[in-house]
Amino acid sequence: MPYLGAHLSIAGGLPRAVERAVVSGCESLQIFTKSVGQWRARTLDEPEVQAFREGVTRARLRAVVAHASYLVNIASVNPTLRAQSMHALAEEIDRAERLGLLGLVMHPGSGTEAEGLPRIADALSTLLTAAARRRGKTLVILEHTAGQGSNLGWRFEHLATILKLMPSAARARVGVCLDTCHLVASGYNIATREGYRDTFRQFDTLIGLERLKVFHLNDSKKPCASRVDRHEHIGQGCVGLDAFARILNDRRFAKLPMVIETEKDPKSDRATRAIQIDPFDEMNLTTLRGLLRRRSAR
C-alpha cells in the first residue's frame, strides 16, 4: 500500500509537524523547513533537529519530504536572482539532509525551454557535486508543474532533458514528484483509463518509473490542458475519484509517499498552534483511504 500523508504546518517548531502527522494518521509527511516567502531562513539548532528526527522514528513515518521555497528560480537569466536562488536552494538541501529527509521537492523554474532547461541542469549539477554535499543522501525531487505562465517542467520532455544534461553522479540524486492536479492541468488526462495508461507509459519511456519518488494527491479546479494550477478537494474536481483509485491501487506505486496539498479549513484555530487534525485534511484522507478498497484496473 502507498504511504498516505499531508503537507502539515511547522508552527511551534519542526517537531510539532510530526505530532500533527500522528494525530492525522499520516504514514508520510511533507513540510516547509523555512518560511517560503522569505529568502533568509532561521538557524536550526541541534536540539530541534534531534527532536524532529527522533519524533519521525517514534511515529514510524515511512517518508518525510520538504518543499522548497517558491522564490527559487534556478532557470533565471537574471544573474542576481539565479545566484540568490542557488544559495537558497543549497541551504534548503543542507537543511533537508540534516533532518534526514527523503528529499526536497522543488519546482524546476521559470523561463524559456532553450535557456531555462540547461540552466536548471547546470545549477543542480553544481549544487549536488559540491564537496559540501557530495556524500549526501537527500534527493532533489523535481515536481512536474501545471505549465502556468512561463513555468518549466510541465512536459515530461522538460524533465527528461534536465536529467539528460546532468552528469551521472548528480543525476543519481534527482527524483521526480507527480502532482495529480498538475498532470491534468498540463494535458495528461489521467481521469480516463486510456489517458492514465498513456500518461504513465510516456513517463516510463521518457524518464523511468524508478525515478518517481513522491505523489502529490490534489484534485483540480480547472479542466484538462487548462495549464492553470488550482487545487481542489479529492473527488470534487476534474481529476475525479476513479483516477485516484487507479493510482492508490497501482502496484507500481505501492511503496511511494502520497501527500495531499489540499486547502485547509479556514475555520480552524491556527493561532493556538493546536495539535489536531484539520477537518479538511480528515475529509480528504478519509476519502483516499476509502479508495484503497476500491480496486480499479489500469
C-alpha atoms as a PDB file:
ATOM      1  CA  MET A   1       0.000   0.000   0.000  1.00  0.00           C
ATOM      2  CA  PRO A   2       1.156   3.578  -0.592  1.00  0.00           C
ATOM      3  CA  TYR A   3       2.078   5.818   2.315  1.00  0.00           C
ATOM      4  CA  LEU A   4      -0.658   8.435   2.677  1.00  0.00           C
ATOM      5  CA  GLY A   5       0.054  11.770   4.308  1.00  0.00           C
ATOM      6  CA  ALA A   6      -0.306  15.535   4.106  1.00  0.00           C
ATOM      7  CA  HIS A   7       1.624  18.765   3.965  1.00  0.00           C
ATOM      8  CA  LEU A   8       1.492  19.991   7.561  1.00  0.00           C
ATOM      9  CA  SER A   9       2.459  23.136   9.413  1.00  0.00           C
ATOM     10  CA  ILE A  10       5.725  23.541  11.341  1.00  0.00           C
ATOM     11  CA  ALA A  11       4.189  26.266  13.558  1.00  0.00           C
ATOM     12  CA  GLY A  12       5.715  25.936  17.003  1.00  0.00           C
ATOM     13  CA  GLY A  13       8.801  24.155  15.658  1.00  0.00           C
ATOM     14  CA  LEU A  14       9.626  21.295  13.326  1.00  0.00           C
ATOM     15  CA  PRO A  15       8.810  18.535  15.859  1.00  0.00           C
ATOM     16  CA  ARG A  16       5.236  19.852  16.038  1.00  0.00           C
ATOM     17  CA  ALA A  17       4.706  18.863  12.392  1.00  0.00           C
ATOM     18  CA  VAL A  18       5.433  15.259  13.351  1.00  0.00           C
ATOM     19  CA  GLU A  19       2.907  15.477  16.192  1.00  0.00           C
ATOM     20  CA  ARG A  20       0.329  16.776  13.709  1.00  0.00           C
ATOM     21  CA  ALA A  21       1.139  13.888  11.385  1.00  0.00           C
ATOM     22  CA  VAL A  22       0.498  11.424  14.219  1.00  0.00           C
ATOM     23  CA  VAL A  23      -2.943  12.812  15.126  1.00  0.00           C
ATOM     24  CA  SER A  24      -3.801  12.920  11.414  1.00  0.00           C
ATOM     25  CA  GLY A  25      -2.924   9.234  10.985  1.00  0.00           C
ATOM     26  CA  CYS A  26      -0.273  10.012   8.388  1.00  0.00           C
ATOM     27  CA  GLU A  27       2.247   7.488   7.109  1.00  0.00           C
ATOM     28  CA  SER A  28       4.171  10.163   5.205  1.00  0.00           C
ATOM     29  CA  LEU A  29       4.679  13.894   5.701  1.00  0.00           C
ATOM     30  CA  GLN A  30       5.633  17.000   3.740  1.00  0.00           C
ATOM     31  CA  ILE A  31       6.807  20.215   5.385  1.00  0.00           C
ATOM     32  CA  PHE A  32       8.468  23.532   4.694  1.00  0.00           C
ATOM     33  CA  THR A  33      11.708  23.817   6.666  1.00  0.00           C
ATOM     34  CA  LYS A  34      11.587  27.632   6.479  1.00  0.00           C
ATOM     35  CA  SER A  35       9.249  30.460   5.563  1.00  0.00           C
ATOM     36  CA  VAL A  36       8.541  30.027   1.845  1.00  0.00           C
ATOM     37  CA  GLY A  37       8.011  33.750   1.317  1.00  0.00           C
ATOM     38  CA  GLN A  38      11.457  34.791   2.530  1.00  0.00           C
ATOM     39  CA  TRP A  39      14.958  34.211   1.245  1.00  0.00           C
ATOM     40  CA  ARG A  40      16.530  34.038   4.675  1.00  0.00           C
ATOM     41  CA  ALA A  41      15.999  31.035   6.915  1.00  0.00           C
ATOM     42  CA  ARG A  42      16.224  30.860  10.684  1.00  0.00           C
ATOM     43  CA  THR A  43      19.003  28.691  12.017  1.00  0.00           C
ATOM     44  CA  LEU A  44      18.046  25.153  13.007  1.00  0.00           C
ATOM     45  CA  ASP A  45      19.644  24.344  16.331  1.00  0.00           C
ATOM     46  CA  GLU A  46      20.792  20.807  17.061  1.00  0.00           C
ATOM     47  CA  PRO A  47      18.202  20.044  19.800  1.00  0.00           C
ATOM     48  CA  GLU A  48      15.354  20.861  17.396  1.00  0.00           C
ATOM     49  CA  VAL A  49      16.920  18.738  14.654  1.00  0.00           C
ATOM     50  CA  GLN A  50      17.352  15.790  17.012  1.00  0.00           C
ATOM     51  CA  ALA A  51      13.834  16.135  18.408  1.00  0.00           C
ATOM     52  CA  PHE A  52      12.452  16.114  14.872  1.00  0.00           C
ATOM     53  CA  ARG A  53      14.438  13.047  13.809  1.00  0.00           C
ATOM     54  CA  GLU A  54      13.530  11.154  16.973  1.00  0.00           C
ATOM     55  CA  GLY A  55       9.876  12.095  16.521  1.00  0.00           C
ATOM     56  CA  VAL A  56       9.860  10.750  12.959  1.00  0.00           C
ATOM     57  CA  THR A  57      11.327   7.466  14.219  1.00  0.00           C
ATOM     58  CA  ARG A  58       8.796   7.138  17.054  1.00  0.00           C
ATOM     59  CA  ALA A  59       5.912   7.988  14.710  1.00  0.00           C
ATOM     60  CA  ARG A  60       7.140   5.358  12.237  1.00  0.00           C
ATOM     61  CA  LEU A  61       6.657   7.749   9.350  1.00  0.00           C
ATOM     62  CA  ARG A  62       7.685   5.914   6.193  1.00  0.00           C
ATOM     63  CA  ALA A  63       8.827   9.013   4.291  1.00  0.00           C
ATOM     64  CA  VAL A  64       9.266  12.714   5.003  1.00  0.00           C
ATOM     65  CA  VAL A  65       9.978  15.331   2.357  1.00  0.00           C
ATOM     66  CA  ALA A  66      10.314  19.094   2.376  1.00  0.00           C
ATOM     67  CA  HIS A  67       9.061  21.513  -0.248  1.00  0.00           C
ATOM     68  CA  ALA A  68      11.429  24.258  -1.361  1.00  0.00           C
ATOM     69  CA  SER A  69      10.606  27.943  -1.364  1.00  0.00           C
ATOM     70  CA  TYR A  70       8.578  29.213  -4.303  1.00  0.00           C
ATOM     71  CA  LEU A  71      11.011  32.132  -4.628  1.00  0.00           C
ATOM     72  CA  VAL A  72      13.754  29.884  -6.008  1.00  0.00           C
ATOM     73  CA  ASN A  73      14.259  30.113  -9.789  1.00  0.00           C
ATOM     74  CA  ILE A  74      17.484  28.464 -10.929  1.00  0.00           C
ATOM     75  CA  ALA A  75      16.334  28.850 -14.558  1.00  0.00           C
ATOM     76  CA  SER A  76      16.506  32.643 -14.355  1.00  0.00           C
ATOM     77  CA  VAL A  77      18.613  34.611 -16.838  1.00  0.00           C
ATOM     78  CA  ASN A  78      18.982  37.356 -14.208  1.00  0.00           C
ATOM     79  CA  PRO A  79      22.405  36.645 -12.663  1.00  0.00           C
ATOM     80  CA  THR A  80      21.482  38.170  -9.300  1.00  0.00           C
ATOM     81  CA  LEU A  81      18.250  36.184  -8.956  1.00  0.00           C
ATOM     82  CA  ARG A  82      19.920  32.978 -10.122  1.00  0.00           C
ATOM     83  CA  ALA A  83      22.795  33.367  -7.647  1.00  0.00           C
ATOM     84  CA  GLN A  84      20.340  34.116  -4.852  1.00  0.00           C
ATOM     85  CA  SER A  85      18.257  31.100  -5.876  1.00  0.00           C
ATOM     86  CA  MET A  86      21.254  28.772  -5.904  1.00  0.00           C
ATOM     87  CA  HIS A  87      22.352  29.952  -2.461  1.00  0.00           C
ATOM     88  CA  ALA A  88      18.830  29.473  -1.058  1.00  0.00           C
ATOM     89  CA  LEU A  89      18.458  26.053  -2.684  1.00  0.00           C
ATOM     90  CA  ALA A  90      21.831  24.885  -1.358  1.00  0.00           C
ATOM     91  CA  GLU A  91      20.727  25.947   2.121  1.00  0.00           C
ATOM     92  CA  GLU A  92      17.436  24.040   1.770  1.00  0.00           C
ATOM     93  CA  ILE A  93      19.189  20.885   0.553  1.00  0.00           C
ATOM     94  CA  ASP A  94      21.531  21.062   3.535  1.00  0.00           C
ATOM     95  CA  ARG A  95      18.635  21.571   5.956  1.00  0.00           C
ATOM     96  CA  ALA A  96      16.809  18.575   4.495  1.00  0.00           C
ATOM     97  CA  GLU A  97      19.988  16.499   4.825  1.00  0.00           C
ATOM     98  CA  ARG A  98      20.383  17.444   8.496  1.00  0.00           C
ATOM     99  CA  LEU A  99      16.761  16.466   9.142  1.00  0.00           C
ATOM    100  CA  GLY A 100      17.234  13.076   7.474  1.00  0.00           C
ATOM    101  CA  LEU A 101      14.575  13.676   4.824  1.00  0.00           C
ATOM    102  CA  LEU A 102      13.976  11.548   1.756  1.00  0.00           C
ATOM    103  CA  GLY A 103      14.155  14.601  -0.429  1.00  0.00           C
ATOM    104  CA  LEU A 104      13.482  18.234  -1.201  1.00  0.00           C
ATOM    105  CA  VAL A 105      10.633  18.783  -3.666  1.00  0.00           C
ATOM    106  CA  MET A 106      11.108  21.817  -5.912  1.00  0.00           C
ATOM    107  CA  HIS A 107       9.542  23.436  -8.945  1.00  0.00           C
ATOM    108  CA  PRO A 108      12.139  23.344 -11.730  1.00  0.00           C
ATOM    109  CA  GLY A 109      11.972  27.049 -12.561  1.00  0.00           C
ATOM    110  CA  SER A 110      10.566  29.591 -14.998  1.00  0.00           C
ATOM    111  CA  GLY A 111      11.864  30.800 -18.350  1.00  0.00           C
ATOM    112  CA  THR A 112      12.233  29.590 -21.907  1.00  0.00           C
ATOM    113  CA  GLU A 113      12.922  25.958 -22.747  1.00  0.00           C
ATOM    114  CA  ALA A 114      16.031  26.791 -24.770  1.00  0.00           C
ATOM    115  CA  GLU A 115      17.726  28.728 -21.974  1.00  0.00           C
ATOM    116  CA  GLY A 116      15.959  27.553 -18.844  1.00  0.00           C
ATOM    117  CA  LEU A 117      16.358  23.777 -19.039  1.00  0.00           C
ATOM    118  CA  PRO A 118      20.182  23.855 -19.413  1.00  0.00           C
ATOM    119  CA  ARG A 119      20.385  26.392 -16.570  1.00  0.00           C
ATOM    120  CA  ILE A 120      18.399  24.110 -14.283  1.00  0.00           C
ATOM    121  CA  ALA A 121      20.606  21.123 -15.148  1.00  0.00           C
ATOM    122  CA  ASP A 122      23.769  23.157 -14.621  1.00  0.00           C
ATOM    123  CA  ALA A 123      22.611  24.543 -11.275  1.00  0.00           C
ATOM    124  CA  LEU A 124      21.605  21.153  -9.895  1.00  0.00           C
ATOM    125  CA  SER A 125      24.841  19.573 -11.130  1.00  0.00           C
ATOM    126  CA  THR A 126      26.867  22.280  -9.424  1.00  0.00           C
ATOM    127  CA  LEU A 127      24.966  22.033  -6.131  1.00  0.00           C
ATOM    128  CA  LEU A 128      24.853  18.237  -5.904  1.00  0.00           C
ATOM    129  CA  THR A 129      28.508  17.651  -6.792  1.00  0.00           C
ATOM    130  CA  ALA A 130      29.868  20.340  -4.462  1.00  0.00           C
ATOM    131  CA  ALA A 131      32.249  18.963  -1.843  1.00  0.00           C
ATOM    132  CA  ALA A 132      29.884  20.051   0.942  1.00  0.00           C
ATOM    133  CA  ARG A 133      27.144  17.661  -0.173  1.00  0.00           C
ATOM    134  CA  ARG A 134      28.817  15.142  -2.461  1.00  0.00           C
ATOM    135  CA  ARG A 135      28.249  12.321   0.004  1.00  0.00           C
ATOM    136  CA  GLY A 136      24.675  13.332   0.849  1.00  0.00           C
ATOM    137  CA  LYS A 137      21.684  11.040   0.537  1.00  0.00           C
ATOM    138  CA  THR A 138      18.812  13.510   0.371  1.00  0.00           C
ATOM    139  CA  LEU A 139      17.313  13.743  -3.110  1.00  0.00           C
ATOM    140  CA  VAL A 140      16.320  16.802  -5.071  1.00  0.00           C
ATOM    141  CA  ILE A 141      12.848  15.923  -6.357  1.00  0.00           C
ATOM    142  CA  LEU A 142      11.693  17.872  -9.403  1.00  0.00           C
ATOM    143  CA  GLU A 143       7.960  18.487  -9.362  1.00  0.00           C
ATOM    144  CA  HIS A 144       6.085  18.220 -12.654  1.00  0.00           C
ATOM    145  CA  THR A 145       4.189  21.506 -12.992  1.00  0.00           C
ATOM    146  CA  ALA A 146       0.850  22.620 -14.414  1.00  0.00           C
ATOM    147  CA  GLY A 147       2.571  24.826 -17.003  1.00  0.00           C
ATOM    148  CA  GLN A 148       1.133  28.062 -15.725  1.00  0.00           C
ATOM    149  CA  GLY A 149       2.774  31.167 -17.140  1.00  0.00           C
ATOM    150  CA  SER A 150       6.424  30.543 -18.021  1.00  0.00           C
ATOM    151  CA  ASN A 151       6.824  27.631 -15.597  1.00  0.00           C
ATOM    152  CA  LEU A 152       9.020  24.858 -16.961  1.00  0.00           C
ATOM    153  CA  GLY A 153       8.596  21.177 -16.195  1.00  0.00           C
ATOM    154  CA  TRP A 154       5.006  20.766 -17.417  1.00  0.00           C
ATOM    155  CA  ARG A 155       6.007  18.316 -20.127  1.00  0.00           C
ATOM    156  CA  PHE A 156       7.785  15.056 -19.317  1.00  0.00           C
ATOM    157  CA  GLU A 157      10.224  16.014 -22.075  1.00  0.00           C
ATOM    158  CA  HIS A 158      11.336  19.011 -19.986  1.00  0.00           C
ATOM    159  CA  LEU A 159      12.261  16.807 -17.037  1.00  0.00           C
ATOM    160  CA  ALA A 160      13.926  14.243 -19.314  1.00  0.00           C
ATOM    161  CA  THR A 161      16.060  16.985 -20.880  1.00  0.00           C
ATOM    162  CA  ILE A 162      17.187  18.292 -17.488  1.00  0.00           C
ATOM    163  CA  LEU A 163      18.214  14.789 -16.415  1.00  0.00           C
ATOM    164  CA  LYS A 164      19.978  14.066 -19.701  1.00  0.00           C
ATOM    165  CA  LEU A 165      22.082  17.231 -19.368  1.00  0.00           C
ATOM    166  CA  MET A 166      23.323  16.270 -15.892  1.00  0.00           C
ATOM    167  CA  PRO A 167      26.380  14.115 -15.157  1.00  0.00           C
ATOM    168  CA  SER A 168      25.569  10.666 -13.764  1.00  0.00           C
ATOM    169  CA  ALA A 169      26.799  11.473 -10.238  1.00  0.00           C
ATOM    170  CA  ALA A 170      24.369  14.382  -9.916  1.00  0.00           C
ATOM    171  CA  ARG A 171      21.580  12.676 -11.844  1.00  0.00           C
ATOM    172  CA  ALA A 172      21.575   9.837  -9.310  1.00  0.00           C
ATOM    173  CA  ARG A 173      20.468  12.334  -6.655  1.00  0.00           C
ATOM    174  CA  VAL A 174      17.437  13.600  -8.618  1.00  0.00           C
ATOM    175  CA  GLY A 175      13.926  12.189  -8.439  1.00  0.00           C
ATOM    176  CA  VAL A 176      10.521  13.291  -9.736  1.00  0.00           C
ATOM    177  CA  CYS A 177       7.267  14.223  -7.999  1.00  0.00           C
ATOM    178  CA  LEU A 178       3.980  13.932  -9.877  1.00  0.00           C
ATOM    179  CA  ASP A 179       1.042  16.078  -8.811  1.00  0.00           C
ATOM    180  CA  THR A 180      -2.362  14.812  -9.966  1.00  0.00           C
ATOM    181  CA  CYS A 181      -3.720  18.349 -10.363  1.00  0.00           C
ATOM    182  CA  HIS A 182      -0.697  19.366 -12.422  1.00  0.00           C
ATOM    183  CA  LEU A 183      -0.921  16.268 -14.610  1.00  0.00           C
ATOM    184  CA  VAL A 184      -4.495  17.016 -15.654  1.00  0.00           C
ATOM    185  CA  ALA A 185      -3.964  20.783 -15.930  1.00  0.00           C
ATOM    186  CA  SER A 186      -0.912  20.291 -18.160  1.00  0.00           C
ATOM    187  CA  GLY A 187      -2.773  17.956 -20.508  1.00  0.00           C
ATOM    188  CA  TYR A 188      -2.115  14.430 -19.205  1.00  0.00           C
ATOM    189  CA  ASN A 189      -5.670  13.155 -18.876  1.00  0.00           C
ATOM    190  CA  ILE A 190      -5.350  10.583 -16.094  1.00  0.00           C
ATOM    191  CA  ALA A 191      -9.109  10.921 -15.494  1.00  0.00           C
ATOM    192  CA  THR A 192      -9.740   8.282 -18.186  1.00  0.00           C
ATOM    193  CA  ARG A 193      -8.382   4.721 -18.266  1.00  0.00           C
ATOM    194  CA  GLU A 194      -6.769   5.276 -21.642  1.00  0.00           C
ATOM    195  CA  GLY A 195      -5.272   8.596 -20.581  1.00  0.00           C
ATOM    196  CA  TYR A 196      -3.953   7.054 -17.366  1.00  0.00           C
ATOM    197  CA  ARG A 197      -2.225   4.218 -19.224  1.00  0.00           C
ATOM    198  CA  ASP A 198      -0.786   6.557 -21.829  1.00  0.00           C
ATOM    199  CA  THR A 199       0.466   9.044 -19.228  1.00  0.00           C
ATOM    200  CA  PHE A 200       2.486   6.507 -17.279  1.00  0.00           C
ATOM    201  CA  ARG A 201       3.650   4.779 -20.446  1.00  0.00           C
ATOM    202  CA  GLN A 202       5.091   8.107 -21.609  1.00  0.00           C
ATOM    203  CA  PHE A 203       6.609   8.805 -18.197  1.00  0.00           C
ATOM    204  CA  ASP A 204       8.289   5.409 -18.095  1.00  0.00           C
ATOM    205  CA  THR A 205       9.649   5.785 -21.625  1.00  0.00           C
ATOM    206  CA  LEU A 206      10.989   9.323 -21.184  1.00  0.00           C
ATOM    207  CA  ILE A 207      12.058   9.337 -17.532  1.00  0.00           C
ATOM    208  CA  GLY A 208      11.623   5.894 -15.970  1.00  0.00           C
ATOM    209  CA  LEU A 209       9.200   4.872 -13.230  1.00  0.00           C
ATOM    210  CA  GLU A 210      12.145   4.135 -10.931  1.00  0.00           C
ATOM    211  CA  ARG A 211      12.778   7.890 -10.720  1.00  0.00           C
ATOM    212  CA  LEU A 212       9.256   8.596  -9.401  1.00  0.00           C
ATOM    213  CA  LYS A 213       9.643   9.218  -5.651  1.00  0.00           C
ATOM    214  CA  VAL A 214       6.547  11.144  -4.483  1.00  0.00           C
ATOM    215  CA  PHE A 215       2.951  11.821  -5.475  1.00  0.00           C
ATOM    216  CA  HIS A 216       1.041  14.972  -4.586  1.00  0.00           C
ATOM    217  CA  LEU A 217      -2.632  13.984  -4.497  1.00  0.00           C
ATOM    218  CA  ASN A 218      -4.774  17.001  -5.343  1.00  0.00           C
ATOM    219  CA  ASP A 219      -7.901  17.352  -7.410  1.00  0.00           C
ATOM    220  CA  SER A 220      -8.041  20.178  -9.976  1.00  0.00           C
ATOM    221  CA  LYS A 221     -10.477  23.085 -10.118  1.00  0.00           C
ATOM    222  CA  LYS A 222      -9.618  23.598 -13.789  1.00  0.00           C
ATOM    223  CA  PRO A 223     -10.113  21.208 -16.732  1.00  0.00           C
ATOM    224  CA  CYS A 224      -7.588  19.146 -18.640  1.00  0.00           C
ATOM    225  CA  ALA A 225      -4.982  21.163 -20.575  1.00  0.00           C
ATOM    226  CA  SER A 226      -6.036  24.451 -18.894  1.00  0.00           C
ATOM    227  CA  ARG A 227      -2.456  24.969 -17.646  1.00  0.00           C
ATOM    228  CA  VAL A 228      -3.905  26.592 -14.530  1.00  0.00           C
ATOM    229  CA  ASP A 229      -2.746  25.352 -11.118  1.00  0.00           C
ATOM    230  CA  ARG A 230      -5.734  25.368  -8.752  1.00  0.00           C
ATOM    231  CA  HIS A 231      -6.041  22.562  -6.205  1.00  0.00           C
ATOM    232  CA  GLU A 232      -9.436  21.140  -5.235  1.00  0.00           C
ATOM    233  CA  HIS A 233     -10.574  18.649  -2.592  1.00  0.00           C
ATOM    234  CA  ILE A 234     -10.321  14.978  -3.517  1.00  0.00           C
ATOM    235  CA  GLY A 235     -13.167  13.906  -5.786  1.00  0.00           C
ATOM    236  CA  GLN A 236     -14.567  17.421  -6.196  1.00  0.00           C
ATOM    237  CA  GLY A 237     -12.674  18.468  -9.313  1.00  0.00           C
ATOM    238  CA  CYS A 238     -11.565  17.462 -12.799  1.00  0.00           C
ATOM    239  CA  VAL A 239      -9.258  14.613 -11.725  1.00  0.00           C
ATOM    240  CA  GLY A 240     -12.074  12.559 -10.204  1.00  0.00           C
ATOM    241  CA  LEU A 241     -12.242   9.604  -7.843  1.00  0.00           C
ATOM    242  CA  ASP A 242     -11.526   6.972 -10.486  1.00  0.00           C
ATOM    243  CA  ALA A 243      -8.088   8.417 -11.210  1.00  0.00           C
ATOM    244  CA  PHE A 244      -7.191   8.482  -7.512  1.00  0.00           C
ATOM    245  CA  ALA A 245      -8.391   4.888  -7.145  1.00  0.00           C
ATOM    246  CA  ARG A 246      -6.151   3.840 -10.040  1.00  0.00           C
ATOM    247  CA  ILE A 247      -3.080   5.497  -8.518  1.00  0.00           C
ATOM    248  CA  LEU A 248      -3.708   4.243  -4.993  1.00  0.00           C
ATOM    249  CA  ASN A 249      -4.182   0.655  -6.140  1.00  0.00           C
ATOM    250  CA  ASP A 250      -1.493   0.602  -8.810  1.00  0.00           C
ATOM    251  CA  ARG A 251       1.071  -1.961  -7.654  1.00  0.00           C
ATOM    252  CA  ARG A 252       3.861   0.017  -9.313  1.00  0.00           C
ATOM    253  CA  PHE A 253       3.305   2.778  -6.744  1.00  0.00           C
ATOM    254  CA  ALA A 254       2.666   0.578  -3.711  1.00  0.00           C
ATOM    255  CA  LYS A 255       5.564   1.906  -1.597  1.00  0.00           C
ATOM    256  CA  LEU A 256       5.509   5.572  -2.561  1.00  0.00           C
ATOM    257  CA  PRO A 257       4.609   8.508  -0.293  1.00  0.00           C
ATOM    258  CA  MET A 258       1.433  10.242  -1.448  1.00  0.00           C
ATOM    259  CA  VAL A 259       0.687  13.556   0.268  1.00  0.00           C
ATOM    260  CA  ILE A 260      -2.261  15.893  -0.058  1.00  0.00           C
ATOM    261  CA  GLU A 261      -1.805  19.644  -0.516  1.00  0.00           C
ATOM    262  CA  THR A 262      -5.475  20.469  -0.467  1.00  0.00           C
ATOM    263  CA  GLU A 263      -6.960  23.555   1.181  1.00  0.00           C
ATOM    264  CA  LYS A 264      -7.031  23.667   4.984  1.00  0.00           C
ATOM    265  CA  ASP A 265     -10.204  24.561   6.852  1.00  0.00           C
ATOM    266  CA  PRO A 266     -10.189  28.388   7.291  1.00  0.00           C
ATOM    267  CA  LYS A 267     -12.263  27.964  10.454  1.00  0.00           C
ATOM    268  CA  SER A 268      -9.520  26.010  12.196  1.00  0.00           C
ATOM    269  CA  ASP A 269      -7.957  27.905  15.077  1.00  0.00           C
ATOM    270  CA  ARG A 270      -4.354  28.020  13.914  1.00  0.00           C
ATOM    271  CA  ALA A 271      -3.495  30.790  16.359  1.00  0.00           C
ATOM    272  CA  THR A 272      -3.430  28.231  19.170  1.00  0.00           C
ATOM    273  CA  ARG A 273      -0.926  26.100  17.222  1.00  0.00           C
ATOM    274  CA  ALA A 274      -3.079  23.195  18.320  1.00  0.00           C
ATOM    275  CA  ILE A 275      -2.054  19.617  17.632  1.00  0.00           C
ATOM    276  CA  GLN A 276      -5.233  18.392  15.982  1.00  0.00           C
ATOM    277  CA  ILE A 277      -6.281  17.113  12.604  1.00  0.00           C
ATOM    278  CA  ASP A 278      -7.543  19.724  10.173  1.00  0.00           C
ATOM    279  CA  PRO A 279     -11.178  18.886   9.264  1.00  0.00           C
ATOM    280  CA  PHE A 280     -10.494  19.225   5.543  1.00  0.00           C
ATOM    281  CA  ASP A 281      -7.399  17.013   5.806  1.00  0.00           C
ATOM    282  CA  GLU A 282      -9.507  14.446   7.656  1.00  0.00           C
ATOM    283  CA  MET A 283     -12.135  14.575   4.906  1.00  0.00           C
ATOM    284  CA  ASN A 284      -9.612  14.171   2.077  1.00  0.00           C
ATOM    285  CA  LEU A 285      -7.545  11.454   3.747  1.00  0.00           C
ATOM    286  CA  THR A 286     -10.695   9.519   4.629  1.00  0.00           C
ATOM    287  CA  THR A 287     -11.822   9.697   1.010  1.00  0.00           C
ATOM    288  CA  LEU A 288      -8.455   8.430  -0.218  1.00  0.00           C
ATOM    289  CA  ARG A 289      -8.320   5.589   2.318  1.00  0.00           C
ATOM    290  CA  GLY A 290     -11.767   4.511   1.182  1.00  0.00           C
ATOM    291  CA  LEU A 291     -10.468   4.246  -2.377  1.00  0.00           C
ATOM    292  CA  LEU A 292      -7.766   1.801  -1.301  1.00  0.00           C
ATOM    293  CA  ARG A 293     -10.507  -0.797  -1.068  1.00  0.00           C
ATOM    294  CA  ARG A 294     -11.846   0.116  -4.475  1.00  0.00           C
ATOM    295  CA  ARG A 295      -9.768  -1.814  -6.992  1.00  0.00           C
ATOM    296  CA  SER A 296      -9.704  -0.077 -10.352  1.00  0.00           C
ATOM    297  CA  ALA A 297      -7.933  -1.621 -13.341  1.00  0.00           C
ATOM    298  CA  ARG A 298      -5.280   0.489 -15.036  1.00  0.00           C
END
